[in-house]
Amino acid sequence: MSVQYQIPFEEQLKDCQQHVNDKLLAIFSSLPFLNSPLDTAMQYGAVLGGKRLRPFLVYSVGEMFGYGKKSLDAAALAIECIHAYSLIHDDLPAMDNDDLRRGQPACHIKFGESQAILAGDALQSLAFEILSRQEMPDVALSDRLEMVAELASSSGFAGMCGGQSLDLEAEGKQIDLALLEQIHKHKTGALIRAAVRLGAYSAGHRGREVLPLLDQYAQAIGLAFQIHDDILDVVGNTEVIGKRQGNDQQLGKSTYPALLGLEQAQQKARDLYEEAIAALAELEKQSYNTTNLKKLANFIIERNN
C-alpha cells in the first residue's frame, strides 16, 4: 500500500494548510467590523486547526490538468469556509452537542451559541462571495458558475444538510447499513466529492470528460473517511482526535463498527481505498498524474485524527 515519494505527504499537507490559512486570514482582514465578536468567531472556526483535506483535493485535481493555485484558490477557500461553517453548527447543542473541536473549545463554548450560529451563517455566505468574486485566471465564467452550483447543491438539501438531517433522525434508532451509507454519502461524502469536482471544473471540458472516474474516487474516499472517523470514535484518543472519544455511542448513533464490528469496519475502509486506487489507475492510463490523490487516499485510512 505504501509507496516512496520525494516529498512526505504530511509536509505537502502542512504546506497546503499554511497556504489556505494565509489566504483566509487575508480575506478576513479585508472584512468590515474587523475584530468584532462575529469576525473573531468566524476566524476561530475557520483558521484554528484543520487538515485542509478538501482544499488539498481541489488543488490536486486542478493541478492534474495543469492549473496552478492562483486559478484554484477561490474554489479551495470557498469549500473550506463551507466545511468550517458545518463544523460550527454540527457542534451546537441542538445538533451533536460537542464541546471540543480540533482539541479546542467548540465555537459555541468559546463565544456563545448566538455568535456561533451567526459565524456559521456568515462563513456560508462568505464561501459563495469568494467563489463568485475572487480572481480565477484561466477559468471560464461558465465553469465558475458550474462551481457555484456544485457547491450549493453539495452543501444543501441534496448534500451535507440533507445528510445531517438524516443523521439526527437516526439517533437512538437501529438502522441498517444501506441507510447508514446514505447518511454518510450525503453528510460527509458530498462535500468531498464537491472538492474533487471543483478542481475538475476548473479545466472545463477536459475535467468533465473524466468526471465519472473522479466521482468514483471521491465517493470511495468520502465513505472511507467517515468509516475511519467511526473507527477513531471507538479506538482513538480524545487528545489526539481533538473531540470527545465515544461521543457517537453516547448519542446513540449507528456507526460502521457498531453494525459490522470493528474488524469488518476496518476491512470496509480498506476495500474502499482499493476502489479509489482502481479509479486512479484508469486516470493514469490517460496520462494523468494522480500521485497526490493516491497519497490522500492512503492518509484517509491511516490517520489517527
Protein backbone atom coordinates (compact mmCIF):
# COMPACT_ATOMS: atom_id res chain seq x y z
CA MET A 1 0.00 0.00 0.00
CA SER A 2 2.80 2.39 0.87
CA VAL A 3 4.83 3.98 -1.93
CA GLN A 4 8.01 6.04 -1.69
CA TYR A 5 7.63 9.72 -2.57
CA GLN A 6 10.15 12.52 -2.76
CA ILE A 7 8.13 14.87 -0.54
CA PRO A 8 6.42 13.36 2.53
CA PHE A 9 2.66 13.72 2.35
CA GLU A 10 2.50 15.32 5.79
CA GLU A 11 4.80 18.08 4.56
CA GLN A 12 2.64 18.67 1.49
CA LEU A 13 -0.45 18.81 3.66
CA LYS A 14 1.18 21.30 6.05
CA ASP A 15 2.14 23.49 3.09
CA CYS A 16 -1.48 23.40 1.94
CA GLN A 17 -2.71 24.22 5.45
CA GLN A 18 -0.42 27.21 5.69
CA HIS A 19 -1.35 28.46 2.22
CA VAL A 20 -5.08 28.19 2.91
CA ASN A 21 -4.74 29.81 6.35
CA ASP A 22 -2.76 32.73 4.90
CA LYS A 23 -5.34 33.28 2.17
CA LEU A 24 -8.26 33.06 4.61
CA LEU A 25 -6.62 35.49 7.04
CA ALA A 26 -6.08 37.95 4.19
CA ILE A 27 -9.79 37.75 3.36
CA PHE A 28 -10.82 38.17 6.99
CA SER A 29 -8.56 41.23 7.31
CA SER A 30 -10.48 42.89 4.47
CA LEU A 31 -13.92 42.39 6.03
CA PRO A 32 -15.79 45.20 7.79
CA PHE A 33 -16.13 45.03 11.59
CA LEU A 34 -12.62 43.61 11.92
CA ASN A 35 -12.04 42.12 15.40
CA SER A 36 -15.76 42.25 16.22
CA PRO A 37 -17.18 39.25 18.10
CA LEU A 38 -18.56 37.84 14.84
CA ASP A 39 -15.31 38.29 12.93
CA THR A 40 -13.35 36.70 15.79
CA ALA A 41 -15.72 33.73 15.96
CA MET A 42 -15.51 33.24 12.18
CA GLN A 43 -11.72 33.23 12.25
CA TYR A 44 -11.71 30.87 15.22
CA GLY A 45 -13.93 28.39 13.41
CA ALA A 46 -12.16 28.63 10.05
CA VAL A 47 -8.46 29.04 10.81
CA LEU A 48 -7.85 27.28 14.14
CA GLY A 49 -6.62 23.83 13.16
CA GLY A 50 -7.99 21.55 10.46
CA LYS A 51 -6.27 19.29 7.94
CA ARG A 52 -7.50 21.18 4.83
CA LEU A 53 -8.21 17.92 3.00
CA ARG A 54 -10.91 19.48 0.83
CA PRO A 55 -8.72 22.34 -0.42
CA PHE A 56 -5.95 19.78 -0.96
CA LEU A 57 -8.33 17.84 -3.21
CA VAL A 58 -9.24 20.98 -5.17
CA TYR A 59 -5.58 21.78 -5.76
CA SER A 60 -4.55 18.20 -6.53
CA VAL A 61 -7.28 17.65 -9.13
CA GLY A 62 -6.81 21.08 -10.70
CA GLU A 63 -3.07 20.52 -10.94
CA MET A 64 -3.74 17.25 -12.83
CA PHE A 65 -4.96 19.46 -15.66
CA GLY A 66 -2.11 21.97 -15.40
CA TYR A 67 -3.80 24.65 -13.30
CA GLY A 68 -1.91 26.49 -10.57
CA LYS A 69 -3.03 27.66 -7.15
CA LYS A 70 -3.92 31.14 -8.37
CA SER A 71 -6.70 29.68 -10.53
CA LEU A 72 -7.81 27.27 -7.79
CA ASP A 73 -7.60 29.39 -4.63
CA ALA A 74 -11.17 30.69 -4.82
CA ALA A 75 -12.66 27.19 -5.02
CA ALA A 76 -10.35 25.84 -2.30
CA LEU A 77 -11.11 28.67 0.11
CA ALA A 78 -14.83 28.55 -0.60
CA ILE A 79 -15.15 24.86 0.19
CA GLU A 80 -13.10 25.26 3.38
CA CYS A 81 -15.46 28.03 4.52
CA ILE A 82 -18.41 25.71 3.93
CA HIS A 83 -16.67 22.94 5.86
CA ALA A 84 -15.87 25.30 8.75
CA TYR A 85 -19.46 26.51 8.94
CA SER A 86 -20.72 22.94 9.00
CA LEU A 87 -18.45 22.02 11.91
CA ILE A 88 -19.51 25.05 13.95
CA HIS A 89 -23.18 24.17 13.51
CA ASP A 90 -22.55 20.43 13.92
CA ASP A 91 -21.14 21.04 17.42
CA LEU A 92 -24.14 23.05 18.64
CA PRO A 93 -26.30 21.68 21.48
CA ALA A 94 -29.20 21.23 19.07
CA MET A 95 -27.00 19.04 16.83
CA ASP A 96 -24.20 16.81 18.19
CA ASN A 97 -23.64 18.87 21.35
CA ASP A 98 -19.84 18.60 21.24
CA ASP A 99 -17.76 20.86 23.46
CA LEU A 100 -14.42 20.11 21.74
CA ARG A 101 -13.33 20.68 18.16
CA ARG A 102 -9.76 20.19 16.94
CA GLY A 103 -8.65 19.92 20.56
CA GLN A 104 -10.04 23.36 21.45
CA PRO A 105 -13.35 24.52 22.90
CA ALA A 106 -16.08 24.38 20.26
CA CYS A 107 -17.08 27.74 18.80
CA HIS A 108 -20.33 27.95 20.83
CA ILE A 109 -18.41 27.16 24.03
CA LYS A 110 -15.89 29.91 23.29
CA PHE A 111 -18.25 32.61 22.00
CA GLY A 112 -21.79 31.53 22.94
CA GLU A 113 -24.46 29.88 20.83
CA SER A 114 -25.75 33.05 19.17
CA GLN A 115 -22.35 34.14 17.87
CA ALA A 116 -21.53 30.58 16.79
CA ILE A 117 -24.73 30.33 14.75
CA LEU A 118 -24.02 33.68 13.12
CA ALA A 119 -20.39 32.74 12.48
CA GLY A 120 -21.53 29.62 10.64
CA ASP A 121 -24.11 31.57 8.66
CA ALA A 122 -21.55 34.22 7.72
CA LEU A 123 -18.95 31.65 6.66
CA GLN A 124 -21.52 30.00 4.41
CA SER A 125 -22.25 33.34 2.72
CA LEU A 126 -18.56 34.18 2.53
CA ALA A 127 -17.90 30.94 0.65
CA PHE A 128 -20.13 31.97 -2.22
CA GLU A 129 -18.80 35.54 -2.20
CA ILE A 130 -15.27 34.17 -2.58
CA LEU A 131 -16.22 31.71 -5.30
CA SER A 132 -18.12 34.30 -7.32
CA ARG A 133 -15.77 37.28 -6.92
CA GLN A 134 -12.18 36.17 -6.30
CA GLU A 135 -9.77 36.13 -9.22
CA MET A 136 -9.63 32.82 -11.11
CA PRO A 137 -7.25 33.26 -14.07
CA ASP A 138 -7.76 30.83 -16.95
CA VAL A 139 -11.11 29.60 -15.61
CA ALA A 140 -14.09 30.34 -17.87
CA LEU A 141 -17.09 32.14 -16.37
CA SER A 142 -19.35 29.25 -17.36
CA ASP A 143 -17.12 26.87 -15.40
CA ARG A 144 -17.10 29.20 -12.41
CA LEU A 145 -20.91 29.22 -12.50
CA GLU A 146 -20.86 25.40 -12.51
CA MET A 147 -18.65 25.52 -9.42
CA VAL A 148 -21.12 27.77 -7.61
CA ALA A 149 -23.98 25.41 -8.46
CA GLU A 150 -21.95 22.37 -7.38
CA LEU A 151 -21.01 23.89 -4.02
CA ALA A 152 -24.60 24.97 -3.36
CA SER A 153 -26.01 21.55 -4.21
CA SER A 154 -23.43 19.55 -2.26
CA SER A 155 -23.77 21.66 0.87
CA GLY A 156 -27.56 21.98 0.84
CA PHE A 157 -30.65 19.76 0.93
CA ALA A 158 -29.31 17.27 -1.61
CA GLY A 159 -25.96 17.02 0.14
CA MET A 160 -24.50 17.87 3.52
CA CYS A 161 -27.58 19.40 5.16
CA GLY A 162 -29.76 16.54 3.99
CA GLY A 163 -27.27 14.06 5.41
CA GLN A 164 -27.14 15.86 8.73
CA SER A 165 -30.94 15.76 8.93
CA LEU A 166 -30.96 12.01 8.25
CA ASP A 167 -28.25 11.58 10.88
CA LEU A 168 -30.27 13.44 13.51
CA GLU A 169 -33.39 11.43 12.71
CA ALA A 170 -31.44 8.18 13.10
CA GLU A 171 -30.15 8.96 16.61
CA GLY A 172 -31.26 6.37 19.12
CA LYS A 173 -32.69 4.14 16.38
CA GLN A 174 -31.50 0.86 14.90
CA ILE A 175 -30.79 1.47 11.21
CA ASP A 176 -29.38 -0.78 8.51
CA LEU A 177 -26.18 -0.40 6.52
CA ALA A 178 -27.98 0.97 3.46
CA LEU A 179 -29.35 3.95 5.40
CA LEU A 180 -26.06 4.48 7.21
CA GLU A 181 -24.25 4.64 3.89
CA GLN A 182 -26.84 7.08 2.55
CA ILE A 183 -26.30 9.32 5.59
CA HIS A 184 -22.54 9.32 5.17
CA LYS A 185 -22.61 9.82 1.40
CA HIS A 186 -24.58 12.99 1.96
CA LYS A 187 -23.26 14.33 5.26
CA THR A 188 -19.54 13.80 4.59
CA GLY A 189 -19.14 12.42 1.09
CA ALA A 190 -21.00 15.14 -0.80
CA LEU A 191 -18.55 17.87 0.16
CA ILE A 192 -15.54 15.66 -0.56
CA ARG A 193 -16.96 14.88 -3.99
CA ALA A 194 -17.59 18.59 -4.49
CA ALA A 195 -13.93 19.36 -3.76
CA VAL A 196 -12.88 16.91 -6.47
CA ARG A 197 -15.44 18.30 -8.89
CA LEU A 198 -14.45 21.91 -8.27
CA GLY A 199 -10.91 21.01 -9.26
CA ALA A 200 -12.18 19.27 -12.39
CA TYR A 201 -14.49 22.11 -13.41
CA SER A 202 -11.51 24.46 -13.46
CA ALA A 203 -10.37 22.56 -16.57
CA GLY A 204 -13.70 22.86 -18.36
CA HIS A 205 -14.40 20.15 -20.93
CA ARG A 206 -11.24 18.17 -20.11
CA GLY A 207 -12.30 17.92 -16.49
CA ARG A 208 -15.85 16.91 -17.33
CA GLU A 209 -14.59 14.09 -19.58
CA VAL A 210 -13.13 12.23 -16.61
CA LEU A 211 -15.77 13.12 -14.01
CA PRO A 212 -17.09 9.52 -13.79
CA LEU A 213 -13.67 8.28 -12.67
CA LEU A 214 -13.13 11.24 -10.36
CA ASP A 215 -16.59 10.69 -8.85
CA GLN A 216 -15.76 7.02 -8.28
CA TYR A 217 -12.58 8.05 -6.47
CA ALA A 218 -14.32 10.76 -4.45
CA GLN A 219 -17.23 8.57 -3.37
CA ALA A 220 -14.85 5.83 -2.22
CA ILE A 221 -12.59 8.10 -0.16
CA GLY A 222 -15.59 10.05 1.17
CA LEU A 223 -17.17 6.93 2.65
CA ALA A 224 -13.78 5.60 3.79
CA PHE A 225 -13.18 8.91 5.59
CA GLN A 226 -16.41 8.60 7.58
CA ILE A 227 -15.89 4.92 8.36
CA HIS A 228 -12.43 5.73 9.69
CA ASP A 229 -13.94 8.54 11.77
CA ASP A 230 -16.35 5.95 13.23
CA ILE A 231 -13.39 3.71 13.98
CA LEU A 232 -11.47 6.51 15.68
CA ASP A 233 -14.52 7.21 17.87
CA VAL A 234 -14.02 3.67 19.20
CA VAL A 235 -10.23 3.30 19.34
CA GLY A 236 -8.98 6.90 19.22
CA ASN A 237 -7.70 9.15 21.98
CA THR A 238 -9.57 12.36 22.79
CA GLU A 239 -6.36 14.40 22.92
CA VAL A 240 -5.27 13.10 19.53
CA ILE A 241 -8.54 13.15 17.60
CA GLY A 242 -9.43 16.57 19.02
CA LYS A 243 -13.00 15.72 20.04
CA ARG A 244 -14.64 13.53 22.65
CA GLN A 245 -13.87 9.87 22.03
CA GLY A 246 -17.01 7.73 22.33
CA ASN A 247 -19.39 10.62 21.61
CA ASP A 248 -21.19 8.70 18.85
CA GLN A 249 -22.02 5.91 21.26
CA GLN A 250 -23.26 8.38 23.87
CA LEU A 251 -25.59 9.94 21.28
CA GLY A 252 -26.93 6.53 20.30
CA LYS A 253 -25.66 6.82 16.73
CA SER A 254 -25.40 3.85 14.43
CA THR A 255 -21.84 3.53 13.14
CA TYR A 256 -19.93 1.06 10.99
CA PRO A 257 -18.12 -0.52 13.98
CA ALA A 258 -21.46 -0.85 15.78
CA LEU A 259 -23.18 -2.52 12.81
CA LEU A 260 -20.28 -4.52 11.36
CA GLY A 261 -17.86 -4.92 14.22
CA LEU A 262 -14.50 -3.17 14.41
CA GLU A 263 -12.52 -5.56 12.21
CA GLN A 264 -15.10 -5.63 9.43
CA ALA A 265 -15.38 -1.84 9.54
CA GLN A 266 -11.61 -1.60 9.12
CA GLN A 267 -11.78 -4.03 6.20
CA LYS A 268 -14.57 -1.99 4.60
CA ALA A 269 -12.37 1.12 4.75
CA ARG A 270 -9.51 -0.80 3.11
CA ASP A 271 -11.83 -2.10 0.37
CA LEU A 272 -12.94 1.46 -0.37
CA TYR A 273 -9.30 2.52 -0.55
CA GLU A 274 -8.74 -0.14 -3.22
CA GLU A 275 -11.78 1.16 -5.14
CA ALA A 276 -10.30 4.64 -5.10
CA ILE A 277 -6.91 3.39 -6.32
CA ALA A 278 -8.60 1.44 -9.14
CA ALA A 279 -10.28 4.63 -10.37
CA LEU A 280 -6.94 6.46 -10.28
CA ALA A 281 -5.31 3.65 -12.28
CA GLU A 282 -7.78 4.34 -15.09
CA LEU A 283 -6.89 8.02 -15.00
CA GLU A 284 -3.21 7.16 -15.19
CA LYS A 285 -3.91 5.24 -18.41
CA GLN A 286 -4.94 8.62 -19.81
CA SER A 287 -1.58 10.10 -18.73
CA TYR A 288 -2.88 11.98 -15.68
CA ASN A 289 -0.59 12.27 -12.66
CA THR A 290 -2.59 11.01 -9.68
CA THR A 291 0.26 10.80 -7.14
CA ASN A 292 -1.22 13.31 -4.70
CA LEU A 293 -4.65 11.71 -4.87
CA LYS A 294 -3.09 8.34 -4.03
CA LYS A 295 -1.30 9.84 -1.06
CA LEU A 296 -4.52 11.34 0.22
CA ALA A 297 -6.45 8.09 -0.13
CA ASN A 298 -3.81 6.30 1.94
CA PHE A 299 -3.78 9.07 4.55
CA ILE A 300 -7.54 8.89 5.00
CA ILE A 301 -7.48 5.28 6.21
CA GLU A 302 -4.19 5.53 8.14
CA ARG A 303 -4.64 8.81 10.04
CA ASN A 304 -5.02 8.95 13.82
CA ASN A 305 -7.17 12.09 13.96
